[in-house]
Structure formats: structure tokens, C-alpha cells
C-alpha atoms as a PDB file:
ATOM      1  CA  MET A   1     131.962 117.111 113.952  1.00  0.00           C
ATOM      2  CA  PRO A   2     133.986 115.756 111.061  1.00  0.00           C
ATOM      3  CA  THR A   3     135.733 113.525 113.596  1.00  0.00           C
ATOM      4  CA  ALA A   4     132.761 112.482 115.691  1.00  0.00           C
ATOM      5  CA  TRP A   5     133.208 112.506 119.439  1.00  0.00           C
ATOM      6  CA  SER A   6     132.411 109.418 121.467  1.00  0.00           C
ATOM      7  CA  GLN A   7     133.285 108.193 124.930  1.00  0.00           C
ATOM      8  CA  THR A   8     136.259 106.316 123.467  1.00  0.00           C
ATOM      9  CA  SER A   9     137.708 109.455 121.818  1.00  0.00           C
ATOM     10  CA  PRO A  10     140.821 111.240 123.066  1.00  0.00           C
ATOM     11  CA  SER A  11     140.369 114.309 125.227  1.00  0.00           C
ATOM     12  CA  ARG A  12     139.751 117.434 123.159  1.00  0.00           C
ATOM     13  CA  VAL A  13     140.345 121.174 123.141  1.00  0.00           C
ATOM     14  CA  ILE A  14     138.090 122.962 120.628  1.00  0.00           C
ATOM     15  CA  HIS A  15     138.361 126.593 119.541  1.00  0.00           C
ATOM     16  CA  ALA A  16     134.777 127.568 118.709  1.00  0.00           C
ATOM     17  CA  ASP A  17     131.592 129.180 119.922  1.00  0.00           C
ATOM     18  CA  ASN A  18     130.319 126.575 122.342  1.00  0.00           C
ATOM     19  CA  LEU A  19     126.813 126.615 120.825  1.00  0.00           C
ATOM     20  CA  GLU A  20     128.358 125.360 117.587  1.00  0.00           C
ATOM     21  CA  VAL A  21     129.907 122.406 119.412  1.00  0.00           C
ATOM     22  CA  LEU A  22     127.427 121.353 122.101  1.00  0.00           C
ATOM     23  CA  PRO A  23     124.604 120.116 119.795  1.00  0.00           C
ATOM     24  CA  ASN A  24     127.105 117.692 118.231  1.00  0.00           C
ATOM     25  CA  LEU A  25     127.754 115.957 121.552  1.00  0.00           C
ATOM     26  CA  PRO A  26     125.510 113.028 122.547  1.00  0.00           C
ATOM     27  CA  ASP A  27     122.981 113.011 125.361  1.00  0.00           C
ATOM     28  CA  ALA A  28     124.099 112.085 128.877  1.00  0.00           C
ATOM     29  CA  ALA A  29     127.790 111.962 127.906  1.00  0.00           C
ATOM     30  CA  PHE A  30     129.419 113.719 130.877  1.00  0.00           C
ATOM     31  CA  THR A  31     129.560 112.913 134.577  1.00  0.00           C
ATOM     32  CA  LEU A  32     130.722 116.416 135.474  1.00  0.00           C
ATOM     33  CA  ILE A  33     130.230 119.811 133.836  1.00  0.00           C
ATOM     34  CA  TYR A  34     132.042 122.814 135.289  1.00  0.00           C
ATOM     35  CA  LEU A  35     131.160 126.237 133.870  1.00  0.00           C
ATOM     36  CA  ASP A  36     132.860 129.527 134.600  1.00  0.00           C
ATOM     37  CA  PRO A  37     131.025 131.801 132.141  1.00  0.00           C
ATOM     38  CA  PRO A  38     131.865 135.456 131.580  1.00  0.00           C
ATOM     39  CA  PHE A  39     130.272 137.463 134.352  1.00  0.00           C
ATOM     40  CA  ASN A  40     127.629 139.960 133.295  1.00  0.00           C
ATOM     41  CA  THR A  41     129.554 142.948 132.001  1.00  0.00           C
ATOM     42  CA  GLY A  42     126.580 144.589 130.268  1.00  0.00           C
ATOM     43  CA  ARG A  43     127.729 143.493 126.822  1.00  0.00           C
ATOM     44  CA  SER A  44     124.847 142.413 124.568  1.00  0.00           C
ATOM     45  CA  GLN A  45     124.971 138.836 123.340  1.00  0.00           C
ATOM     46  CA  LYS A  46     123.460 137.403 120.173  1.00  0.00           C
ATOM     47  CA  ARG A  47     120.298 135.414 120.862  1.00  0.00           C
ATOM     48  CA  GLN A  48     120.461 131.808 119.680  1.00  0.00           C
ATOM     49  CA  THR A  49     117.629 129.445 118.783  1.00  0.00           C
ATOM     50  CA  THR A  50     117.526 126.277 120.879  1.00  0.00           C
ATOM     51  CA  THR A  51     115.597 123.041 120.793  1.00  0.00           C
ATOM     52  CA  SER A  52     113.825 121.345 123.659  1.00  0.00           C
ATOM     53  CA  VAL A  53     115.511 118.555 125.588  1.00  0.00           C
ATOM     54  CA  ARG A  54     114.315 115.146 126.642  1.00  0.00           C
ATOM     55  CA  ALA A  55     112.742 114.373 130.018  1.00  0.00           C
ATOM     56  CA  ALA A  56     114.910 113.035 132.817  1.00  0.00           C
ATOM     57  CA  ALA A  57     114.410 109.635 134.359  1.00  0.00           C
ATOM     58  CA  GLY A  58     111.480 109.448 136.712  1.00  0.00           C
ATOM     59  CA  GLY A  59     109.398 112.064 134.938  1.00  0.00           C
ATOM     60  CA  ALA A  60     111.444 115.216 135.675  1.00  0.00           C
ATOM     61  CA  SER A  61     111.828 117.515 132.689  1.00  0.00           C
ATOM     62  CA  ALA A  62     113.719 120.584 131.558  1.00  0.00           C
ATOM     63  CA  ALA A  63     113.696 123.425 128.995  1.00  0.00           C
ATOM     64  CA  GLY A  64     111.074 126.037 128.317  1.00  0.00           C
ATOM     65  CA  THR A  65     107.951 123.994 128.982  1.00  0.00           C
ATOM     66  CA  ILE A  66     108.767 122.626 132.427  1.00  0.00           C
ATOM     67  CA  THR A  67     106.889 123.158 135.636  1.00  0.00           C
ATOM     68  CA  GLY A  68     109.143 124.586 138.343  1.00  0.00           C
ATOM     69  CA  PHE A  69     108.907 124.592 142.097  1.00  0.00           C
ATOM     70  CA  LYS A  70     105.475 125.158 143.655  1.00  0.00           C
ATOM     71  CA  GLY A  71     103.944 124.325 140.267  1.00  0.00           C
ATOM     72  CA  GLN A  72     105.102 127.548 138.568  1.00  0.00           C
ATOM     73  CA  ARG A  73     105.967 127.406 134.875  1.00  0.00           C
ATOM     74  CA  TYR A  74     109.560 127.945 133.859  1.00  0.00           C
ATOM     75  CA  GLU A  75     108.662 130.691 131.366  1.00  0.00           C
ATOM     76  CA  ARG A  76     106.702 132.469 134.090  1.00  0.00           C
ATOM     77  CA  ILE A  77     109.658 132.452 136.466  1.00  0.00           C
ATOM     78  CA  LYS A  78     111.997 133.698 133.756  1.00  0.00           C
ATOM     79  CA  GLY A  79     109.552 136.400 132.729  1.00  0.00           C
ATOM     80  CA  ASP A  80     109.144 137.615 136.306  1.00  0.00           C
ATOM     81  CA  LEU A  81     112.897 137.981 136.674  1.00  0.00           C
ATOM     82  CA  LEU A  82     113.314 139.748 133.362  1.00  0.00           C
ATOM     83  CA  GLY A  83     110.623 142.200 134.383  1.00  0.00           C
ATOM     84  CA  TYR A  84     112.328 142.754 137.706  1.00  0.00           C
ATOM     85  CA  ASP A  85     115.741 143.634 136.263  1.00  0.00           C
ATOM     86  CA  ASP A  86     115.967 144.694 132.618  1.00  0.00           C
ATOM     87  CA  ALA A  87     119.774 144.511 132.665  1.00  0.00           C
ATOM     88  CA  PHE A  88     119.535 140.773 133.246  1.00  0.00           C
ATOM     89  CA  GLU A  89     117.827 139.958 129.945  1.00  0.00           C
ATOM     90  CA  ASP A  90     120.821 140.051 127.610  1.00  0.00           C
ATOM     91  CA  TYR A  91     122.975 137.970 129.928  1.00  0.00           C
ATOM     92  CA  TRP A  92     120.356 135.309 130.474  1.00  0.00           C
ATOM     93  CA  ALA A  93     119.607 135.172 126.732  1.00  0.00           C
ATOM     94  CA  PHE A  94     123.302 134.338 126.331  1.00  0.00           C
ATOM     95  CA  LEU A  95     123.564 131.833 129.178  1.00  0.00           C
ATOM     96  CA  GLU A  96     120.190 130.083 129.078  1.00  0.00           C
ATOM     97  CA  PRO A  97     120.608 128.020 125.865  1.00  0.00           C
ATOM     98  CA  ARG A  98     124.007 126.872 127.057  1.00  0.00           C
ATOM     99  CA  LEU A  99     122.591 125.691 130.378  1.00  0.00           C
ATOM    100  CA  ILE A 100     119.837 123.812 128.543  1.00  0.00           C
ATOM    101  CA  GLU A 101     122.558 122.021 126.587  1.00  0.00           C
ATOM    102  CA  ALA A 102     124.420 121.323 129.832  1.00  0.00           C
ATOM    103  CA  TRP A 103     121.305 119.633 131.250  1.00  0.00           C
ATOM    104  CA  ARG A 104     121.023 117.460 128.142  1.00  0.00           C
ATOM    105  CA  LEU A 105     124.696 116.485 128.225  1.00  0.00           C
ATOM    106  CA  LEU A 106     124.787 115.461 131.886  1.00  0.00           C
ATOM    107  CA  ALA A 107     124.696 111.754 132.631  1.00  0.00           C
ATOM    108  CA  ASP A 108     121.972 110.532 134.952  1.00  0.00           C
ATOM    109  CA  ASP A 109     124.518 110.504 137.799  1.00  0.00           C
ATOM    110  CA  GLY A 110     126.031 113.810 136.638  1.00  0.00           C
ATOM    111  CA  THR A 111     126.600 117.147 138.356  1.00  0.00           C
ATOM    112  CA  LEU A 112     126.750 120.741 137.114  1.00  0.00           C
ATOM    113  CA  TYR A 113     128.956 123.318 138.847  1.00  0.00           C
ATOM    114  CA  LEU A 114     128.101 126.884 137.725  1.00  0.00           C
ATOM    115  CA  HIS A 115     130.669 129.440 138.866  1.00  0.00           C
ATOM    116  CA  LEU A 116     129.382 133.035 139.132  1.00  0.00           C
ATOM    117  CA  ASP A 117     129.866 136.123 141.268  1.00  0.00           C
ATOM    118  CA  TYR A 118     127.453 138.259 143.274  1.00  0.00           C
ATOM    119  CA  ARG A 119     126.049 140.034 140.196  1.00  0.00           C
ATOM    120  CA  GLU A 120     124.113 137.073 138.808  1.00  0.00           C
ATOM    121  CA  ALA A 121     124.310 134.162 141.253  1.00  0.00           C
ATOM    122  CA  HIS A 122     120.931 134.807 142.870  1.00  0.00           C
ATOM    123  CA  TYR A 123     119.087 135.212 139.579  1.00  0.00           C
ATOM    124  CA  ALA A 124     120.746 132.054 138.287  1.00  0.00           C
ATOM    125  CA  LYS A 125     119.731 130.117 141.403  1.00  0.00           C
ATOM    126  CA  VAL A 126     116.025 130.827 140.876  1.00  0.00           C
ATOM    127  CA  LEU A 127     116.201 130.075 137.154  1.00  0.00           C
ATOM    128  CA  LEU A 128     118.184 126.864 137.648  1.00  0.00           C
ATOM    129  CA  ASP A 129     115.612 125.744 140.202  1.00  0.00           C
ATOM    130  CA  ALA A 130     113.072 126.025 137.414  1.00  0.00           C
ATOM    131  CA  LEU A 131     115.280 124.624 134.657  1.00  0.00           C
ATOM    132  CA  PHE A 132     116.651 121.600 136.540  1.00  0.00           C
ATOM    133  CA  GLY A 133     113.988 121.287 139.240  1.00  0.00           C
ATOM    134  CA  ARG A 134     114.373 122.578 142.767  1.00  0.00           C
ATOM    135  CA  ASP A 135     115.019 119.108 144.141  1.00  0.00           C
ATOM    136  CA  CYS A 136     118.110 118.915 141.912  1.00  0.00           C
ATOM    137  CA  PHE A 137     119.830 121.743 143.810  1.00  0.00           C
ATOM    138  CA  LEU A 138     122.693 120.245 145.825  1.00  0.00           C
ATOM    139  CA  ASN A 139     124.822 123.098 147.189  1.00  0.00           C
ATOM    140  CA  GLU A 140     125.759 126.729 147.113  1.00  0.00           C
ATOM    141  CA  LEU A 141     129.545 126.760 147.462  1.00  0.00           C
ATOM    142  CA  ILE A 142     131.340 129.899 148.571  1.00  0.00           C
ATOM    143  CA  TRP A 143     134.908 130.361 147.365  1.00  0.00           C
ATOM    144  CA  ALA A 144     136.386 133.007 149.653  1.00  0.00           C
ATOM    145  CA  TYR A 145     139.708 134.706 148.979  1.00  0.00           C
ATOM    146  CA  ASP A 146     141.589 137.734 150.244  1.00  0.00           C
ATOM    147  CA  TYR A 147     143.670 139.420 147.579  1.00  0.00           C
ATOM    148  CA  GLY A 148     143.750 142.766 145.802  1.00  0.00           C
ATOM    149  CA  ALA A 149     142.215 146.128 146.580  1.00  0.00           C
ATOM    150  CA  LYS A 150     139.611 146.552 149.292  1.00  0.00           C
ATOM    151  CA  SER A 151     136.770 149.046 149.204  1.00  0.00           C
ATOM    152  CA  LYS A 152     136.376 151.502 152.073  1.00  0.00           C
ATOM    153  CA  SER A 153     132.836 152.521 151.120  1.00  0.00           C
ATOM    154  CA  ARG A 154     131.255 149.060 151.503  1.00  0.00           C
ATOM    155  CA  TRP A 155     132.142 145.535 152.619  1.00  0.00           C
ATOM    156  CA  PRO A 156     134.826 144.338 150.158  1.00  0.00           C
ATOM    157  CA  THR A 157     133.560 141.641 147.781  1.00  0.00           C
ATOM    158  CA  LYS A 158     135.963 138.745 148.239  1.00  0.00           C
ATOM    159  CA  HIS A 159     134.063 135.635 147.259  1.00  0.00           C
ATOM    160  CA  ASP A 160     132.547 133.818 144.288  1.00  0.00           C
ATOM    161  CA  THR A 161     129.510 131.542 144.296  1.00  0.00           C
ATOM    162  CA  ILE A 162     129.435 128.080 142.736  1.00  0.00           C
ATOM    163  CA  LEU A 163     125.932 126.645 142.304  1.00  0.00           C
ATOM    164  CA  VAL A 164     125.786 122.856 142.257  1.00  0.00           C
ATOM    165  CA  TYR A 165     122.921 120.993 140.555  1.00  0.00           C
ATOM    166  CA  VAL A 166     122.516 117.291 139.833  1.00  0.00           C
ATOM    167  CA  LYS A 167     120.703 115.627 136.951  1.00  0.00           C
ATOM    168  CA  ASN A 168     118.944 113.053 139.100  1.00  0.00           C
ATOM    169  CA  PRO A 169     118.709 113.695 142.861  1.00  0.00           C
ATOM    170  CA  GLN A 170     118.273 109.972 143.492  1.00  0.00           C
ATOM    171  CA  ALA A 171     121.264 108.803 141.463  1.00  0.00           C
ATOM    172  CA  TYR A 172     124.017 111.443 141.411  1.00  0.00           C
ATOM    173  CA  TYR A 173     127.644 110.515 142.078  1.00  0.00           C
ATOM    174  CA  PHE A 174     129.393 112.166 145.028  1.00  0.00           C
ATOM    175  CA  ASP A 175     132.315 110.780 147.062  1.00  0.00           C
ATOM    176  CA  SER A 176     133.700 113.071 149.744  1.00  0.00           C
ATOM    177  CA  THR A 177     136.199 110.414 150.865  1.00  0.00           C
ATOM    178  CA  THR A 178     138.312 111.086 147.770  1.00  0.00           C
ATOM    179  CA  VAL A 179     138.614 114.820 148.474  1.00  0.00           C
ATOM    180  CA  ASP A 180     141.798 116.256 149.958  1.00  0.00           C
ATOM    181  CA  ARG A 181     141.128 117.004 153.601  1.00  0.00           C
ATOM    182  CA  GLU A 182     142.029 120.344 155.148  1.00  0.00           C
ATOM    183  CA  PRO A 183     143.492 121.472 158.489  1.00  0.00           C
ATOM    184  CA  TYR A 184     141.240 122.105 161.453  1.00  0.00           C
ATOM    185  CA  MET A 185     140.882 125.805 162.236  1.00  0.00           C
ATOM    186  CA  ALA A 186     140.891 124.985 165.976  1.00  0.00           C
ATOM    187  CA  PRO A 187     143.145 121.909 166.224  1.00  0.00           C
ATOM    188  CA  GLY A 188     143.303 122.161 169.997  1.00  0.00           C
ATOM    189  CA  LEU A 189     139.620 121.196 170.204  1.00  0.00           C
ATOM    190  CA  VAL A 190     140.008 117.804 168.511  1.00  0.00           C
ATOM    191  CA  THR A 191     142.132 114.718 169.070  1.00  0.00           C
ATOM    192  CA  PRO A 192     145.667 114.425 167.675  1.00  0.00           C
ATOM    193  CA  GLU A 193     144.409 111.652 165.392  1.00  0.00           C
ATOM    194  CA  LYS A 194     141.845 113.991 163.861  1.00  0.00           C
ATOM    195  CA  VAL A 195     144.434 116.751 163.500  1.00  0.00           C
ATOM    196  CA  ALA A 196     146.708 114.380 161.587  1.00  0.00           C
ATOM    197  CA  LYS A 197     143.868 113.218 159.334  1.00  0.00           C
ATOM    198  CA  GLY A 198     142.358 116.654 158.700  1.00  0.00           C
ATOM    199  CA  LYS A 199     138.691 117.480 158.307  1.00  0.00           C
ATOM    200  CA  LEU A 200     136.283 117.142 155.440  1.00  0.00           C
ATOM    201  CA  PRO A 201     135.596 120.427 153.649  1.00  0.00           C
ATOM    202  CA  THR A 202     132.343 122.308 154.127  1.00  0.00           C
ATOM    203  CA  ASP A 203     130.516 124.512 151.613  1.00  0.00           C
ATOM    204  CA  VAL A 204     132.867 127.448 152.332  1.00  0.00           C
ATOM    205  CA  TRP A 205     136.258 127.108 150.644  1.00  0.00           C
ATOM    206  CA  TRP A 206     139.141 129.401 151.577  1.00  0.00           C
ATOM    207  CA  HIS A 207     141.669 129.540 148.759  1.00  0.00           C
ATOM    208  CA  THR A 208     143.825 132.293 147.347  1.00  0.00           C
ATOM    209  CA  ILE A 209     143.482 133.370 143.736  1.00  0.00           C
ATOM    210  CA  VAL A 210     146.140 132.325 141.231  1.00  0.00           C
ATOM    211  CA  SER A 211     149.225 134.292 142.169  1.00  0.00           C
ATOM    212  CA  PRO A 212     150.479 136.583 139.375  1.00  0.00           C
ATOM    213  CA  THR A 213     154.025 135.435 140.189  1.00  0.00           C
ATOM    214  CA  GLY A 214     153.369 131.791 141.105  1.00  0.00           C
ATOM    215  CA  LYS A 215     154.203 128.581 139.248  1.00  0.00           C
ATOM    216  CA  GLU A 216     150.540 127.917 138.578  1.00  0.00           C
ATOM    217  CA  LYS A 217     149.987 130.995 136.434  1.00  0.00           C
ATOM    218  CA  THR A 218     149.453 130.636 132.685  1.00  0.00           C
ATOM    219  CA  GLY A 219     149.050 134.314 131.853  1.00  0.00           C
ATOM    220  CA  TYR A 220     145.289 134.019 131.294  1.00  0.00           C
ATOM    221  CA  PRO A 221     143.513 136.825 133.193  1.00  0.00           C
ATOM    222  CA  THR A 222     140.541 134.853 134.562  1.00  0.00           C
ATOM    223  CA  GLN A 223     142.423 131.652 135.391  1.00  0.00           C
ATOM    224  CA  LYS A 224     140.922 129.742 138.327  1.00  0.00           C
ATOM    225  CA  PRO A 225     143.067 127.950 140.918  1.00  0.00           C
ATOM    226  CA  VAL A 226     143.916 124.306 140.444  1.00  0.00           C
ATOM    227  CA  GLY A 227     142.881 123.632 144.051  1.00  0.00           C
ATOM    228  CA  ILE A 228     139.275 124.675 143.403  1.00  0.00           C
ATOM    229  CA  LEU A 229     138.910 122.409 140.370  1.00  0.00           C
ATOM    230  CA  ARG A 230     140.732 119.557 142.067  1.00  0.00           C
ATOM    231  CA  ARG A 231     138.168 119.415 144.857  1.00  0.00           C
ATOM    232  CA  ILE A 232     135.227 119.549 142.421  1.00  0.00           C
ATOM    233  CA  ILE A 233     136.604 116.839 140.136  1.00  0.00           C
ATOM    234  CA  GLN A 234     137.616 114.563 143.016  1.00  0.00           C
ATOM    235  CA  ALA A 235     134.154 114.652 144.584  1.00  0.00           C
ATOM    236  CA  SER A 236     131.886 114.469 141.534  1.00  0.00           C
ATOM    237  CA  SER A 237     133.646 112.160 139.077  1.00  0.00           C
ATOM    238  CA  ARG A 238     135.527 108.879 138.991  1.00  0.00           C
ATOM    239  CA  GLU A 239     138.701 107.877 137.193  1.00  0.00           C
ATOM    240  CA  GLY A 240     137.856 107.382 133.527  1.00  0.00           C
ATOM    241  CA  ASP A 241     134.784 109.649 133.624  1.00  0.00           C
ATOM    242  CA  TRP A 242     134.301 112.479 131.145  1.00  0.00           C
ATOM    243  CA  VAL A 243     134.435 116.126 132.267  1.00  0.00           C
ATOM    244  CA  LEU A 244     133.149 119.037 130.169  1.00  0.00           C
ATOM    245  CA  ASP A 245     134.016 122.733 130.411  1.00  0.00           C
ATOM    246  CA  PHE A 246     132.716 124.864 127.546  1.00  0.00           C
ATOM    247  CA  PHE A 247     133.951 128.175 128.950  1.00  0.00           C
ATOM    248  CA  ALA A 248     137.394 126.658 129.267  1.00  0.00           C
ATOM    249  CA  GLY A 249     139.592 129.772 129.458  1.00  0.00           C
ATOM    250  CA  SER A 250     143.079 128.719 130.526  1.00  0.00           C
ATOM    251  CA  GLY A 251     142.146 125.026 130.606  1.00  0.00           C
ATOM    252  CA  THR A 252     142.500 124.404 134.344  1.00  0.00           C
ATOM    253  CA  THR A 253     139.549 121.988 134.292  1.00  0.00           C
ATOM    254  CA  GLY A 254     141.268 119.816 131.715  1.00  0.00           C
ATOM    255  CA  ALA A 255     144.678 119.983 133.381  1.00  0.00           C
ATOM    256  CA  VAL A 256     143.247 118.811 136.692  1.00  0.00           C
ATOM    257  CA  ALA A 257     141.026 116.197 135.034  1.00  0.00           C
ATOM    258  CA  ALA A 258     144.024 114.713 133.204  1.00  0.00           C
ATOM    259  CA  ALA A 259     146.141 114.662 136.365  1.00  0.00           C
ATOM    260  CA  LEU A 260     143.345 112.822 138.209  1.00  0.00           C
ATOM    261  CA  GLY A 261     142.793 110.224 135.486  1.00  0.00           C
ATOM    262  CA  ARG A 262     139.644 111.730 133.968  1.00  0.00           C
ATOM    263  CA  ARG A 263     139.038 112.589 130.305  1.00  0.00           C
ATOM    264  CA  PHE A 264     137.789 115.952 129.113  1.00  0.00           C
ATOM    265  CA  VAL A 265     136.318 118.154 126.418  1.00  0.00           C
ATOM    266  CA  LEU A 266     137.177 121.854 126.591  1.00  0.00           C
ATOM    267  CA  VAL A 267     135.634 124.553 124.387  1.00  0.00           C
ATOM    268  CA  ASP A 268     136.429 128.261 124.170  1.00  0.00           C
ATOM    269  CA  GLN A 269     136.118 130.815 121.375  1.00  0.00           C
ATOM    270  CA  ASN A 270     138.814 133.202 122.649  1.00  0.00           C
ATOM    271  CA  PRO A 271     142.029 132.897 120.571  1.00  0.00           C
ATOM    272  CA  GLU A 272     144.070 133.754 123.672  1.00  0.00           C
ATOM    273  CA  ALA A 273     142.494 130.812 125.495  1.00  0.00           C
ATOM    274  CA  LEU A 274     143.468 128.462 122.664  1.00  0.00           C
ATOM    275  CA  THR A 275     147.060 129.725 122.775  1.00  0.00           C
ATOM    276  CA  VAL A 276     147.297 129.080 126.505  1.00  0.00           C
ATOM    277  CA  MET A 277     145.644 125.651 126.320  1.00  0.00           C
ATOM    278  CA  ARG A 278     147.706 124.563 123.339  1.00  0.00           C
ATOM    279  CA  ALA A 279     150.849 125.184 125.365  1.00  0.00           C
ATOM    280  CA  ARG A 280     149.394 123.775 128.568  1.00  0.00           C
ATOM    281  CA  PHE A 281     148.474 120.429 126.994  1.00  0.00           C
ATOM    282  CA  ALA A 282     151.523 120.031 124.765  1.00  0.00           C
ATOM    283  CA  LEU A 283     153.004 117.525 127.220  1.00  0.00           C
ATOM    284  CA  VAL A 284     149.747 115.731 128.031  1.00  0.00           C
ATOM    285  CA  PRO A 285     149.222 112.495 126.058  1.00  0.00           C
ATOM    286  CA  ASP A 286     146.056 111.709 124.103  1.00  0.00           C
ATOM    287  CA  VAL A 287     144.778 115.261 123.701  1.00  0.00           C
ATOM    288  CA  GLN A 288     143.506 116.559 120.355  1.00  0.00           C
ATOM    289  CA  ILE A 289     143.487 120.281 119.556  1.00  0.00           C
ATOM    290  CA  PHE A 290     140.839 121.615 117.150  1.00  0.00           C
ATOM    291  CA  PRO A 291     142.225 125.077 116.340  1.00  0.00           C
ATOM    292  CA  HIS A 292     139.639 125.889 113.663  1.00  0.00           C
ATOM    293  CA  GLY A 293     136.371 125.085 115.347  1.00  0.00           C
ATOM    294  CA  LEU A 294     134.865 121.880 114.037  1.00  0.00           C
ATOM    295  CA  GLY A 295     137.606 121.413 111.466  1.00  0.00           C
ATOM    296  CA  GLY A 296     140.225 118.698 111.660  1.00  0.00           C
ATOM    297  CA  PRO A 297     142.285 118.194 114.807  1.00  0.00           C
ATOM    298  CA  VAL A 298     145.930 118.938 115.432  1.00  0.00           C
ATOM    299  CA  GLU A 299     147.640 116.755 118.003  1.00  0.00           C
ATOM    300  CA  ALA A 300     148.654 118.788 121.044  1.00  0.00           C
ATOM    301  CA  ALA A 301     152.183 117.431 120.934  1.00  0.00           C
ATOM    302  CA  ASP A 302     152.600 118.738 117.366  1.00  0.00           C
ATOM    303  CA  ALA A 303     151.241 122.211 118.092  1.00  0.00           C
ATOM    304  CA  ALA A 304     153.439 125.266 118.400  1.00  0.00           C
ATOM    305  CA  VAL A 305     154.365 125.732 122.052  1.00  0.00           C
ATOM    306  CA  ASP A 306     155.001 129.042 123.749  1.00  0.00           C
ATOM    307  CA  PRO A 307     157.516 128.249 126.502  1.00  0.00           C
ATOM    308  CA  ASN A 308     156.348 131.281 128.467  1.00  0.00           C
ATOM    309  CA  HIS A 309     153.129 129.370 129.202  1.00  0.00           C
ATOM    310  CA  LEU A 310     154.858 126.237 130.473  1.00  0.00           C
ATOM    311  CA  ASP A 311     155.509 127.421 134.021  1.00  0.00           C
ATOM    312  CA  PHE A 312     154.515 124.084 135.567  1.00  0.00           C
ATOM    313  CA  PRO A 313     153.930 120.517 134.412  1.00  0.00           C
ATOM    314  CA  PRO A 314     150.254 119.517 134.338  1.00  0.00           C
ATOM    315  CA  THR A 315     150.554 117.429 137.518  1.00  0.00           C
ATOM    316  CA  GLU A 316     152.147 120.140 139.671  1.00  0.00           C
ATOM    317  CA  GLY A 317     150.308 122.697 141.732  1.00  0.00           C
ATOM    318  CA  LEU A 318     147.520 120.273 142.672  1.00  0.00           C
ATOM    319  CA  GLY A 319     147.799 120.828 146.404  1.00  0.00           C
ATOM    320  CA  ARG A 320     145.127 121.193 149.005  1.00  0.00           C
ATOM    321  CA  LEU A 321     142.951 124.155 149.680  1.00  0.00           C
ATOM    322  CA  VAL A 322     143.905 125.995 152.819  1.00  0.00           C
ATOM    323  CA  SER A 323     141.636 127.055 155.643  1.00  0.00           C
END
């Protein structure tokens, strides 16, 4: 980048193809990476050339030459899956180099959250086991919601899957005590003290989608709820840590990170995403906007603001998930 990024830089919003940005970021720079990539719509993606990445501490390794679980080679696992489902090839060719970069960019105590739906989550689980190492798998989170049309010809699909992988299974950061607690579903079965305190969340999260008429909305069609990102960022990062989201969309990851005292880098190549994020961060201090890819920055406070996208200040709407 013309203005090189370091861990003392301001938070950044960059309008670019993420593969143009990621190689310019240093190794092990981020404690938390959250990715909500486009789900597999059948659209072909351009194949990109990638380089190998360094080995993790303790001898674990990643990229195309690694040995996966049960001693199987990563390329073998990928090849088996591609042979099983031809429709998967284009999507994985798009996503794979970006996940390799994510592995490189994670700090030794870092965590990756990969947000997918039922179409690709199971393929991604097997491939991430090979790419990161099976012992680096931490959780499969289920975000369950109940909104919109419901099929009558099959069970309605009302959940997303978030796969959680750590860089080093012996050193990753996780603090459940900082996470907002949630109400007990059967409060009569526990003591009044426990009811008042609430319970720690499990791996199934009940949370509505962003309401089309609510304060939280930005107008971006795939916007994710603040409550989902709040829980992730609370548990897997500390104040002052760096958070990366290179499929940033409406910028919810950055908004929550800023409200919780974290710093962030957001990347998205969609001009509509930049418009939404430029407005969303106009009132957030110490945020640089790069509206022309890796060109010079424009301070968020100086950017043109669309008041229609300022439905809530960045610190509002950060409530608990509901069960």
C-alpha cells in the first residue's frame, strides 16, 4: 500500500478486490478474522495464483503441501471433493486463496470465523480441516432465525453455519466471561440468582435477522446482525486487538469492533458496500477510507455522507442475543 499498514495505523475501510489487499498485510497481524463470503450462487470466479505460507509454531503447516487429518494430503482431499461435486470447483477456486491468506494473517492466538450456509458449510469443514489442521477446529456455530417465507415441500432452512478455527490450538485466545449472557429458557429450573445473572451461550445462537424496518438497518441486503458480531468479537479478541473482515459488506464487523474498543481493517469490492460503510463510519474517529483501492486514503469524517444510511449511531443496537 502507498500508506503502509501497521498495528499502529488507524482503522481502515478499503474498496478493492481483497486479493489485491491481503498480500500487503503482514503475517500474524490479526487476533480475529470474521468472513461472510458470498454464498455459492453458481457464478464462475476468476482463478488467482497464490503463494505458499509459512509453517505455524510447533510444526503445523498450511497451504497446498500440507498433510491433513489421518495423514492425507491436502491436495488429495481437495481433489476428492472436486470429483464428488463438480459445481463446487469454481466456488472453492474463489474462496481457497483467500482462506490461505487468512491463515497467514492470523496471530498465533488468533481465530477465524467463516460464515456460510447449508450449500457449502460441509465441504468447507473438510477442506478447512486439511488447510488449518483438524486439531485447529474449535466449533461449529449454528445461527438460527425465524423470519421470511417457509417452504411447505421440505423443512424450512432457517439457520446459517459459522465454522470456527484457531491458528494454534494450544495458544488461542477465548474468554467467555466477557460475552453477554442470555436468559434461561427454563428459568423455573434454576435459582433466582442464576436467572438474574443469565447463562453462558452454547453453540446454537437464536437471533433474528436485521429487521427491514429497524434502527439497525443500513440498506445493505446481506447485512448481518450486530448481536452476532458482538458475541464473536467479545469472546475472541481483547480491547486494542485488530479485527479483519475482507468480505465486509455493510461494515457491521467494524462498527461492533469500534464500539468494543478494537481496531479493524475492512475490505470489499462492491461500490454499494463502500457507500454504506462510508456513511456508517463518518462519525467514528480514527478511521481511514480508501475509496480507490490501494490509492490514497480519505478520512471518514471528510467523506460524503448519505443521511439515509445513518439510522443509528455506531454504539447503538449492540444488545444481547435472545433465546
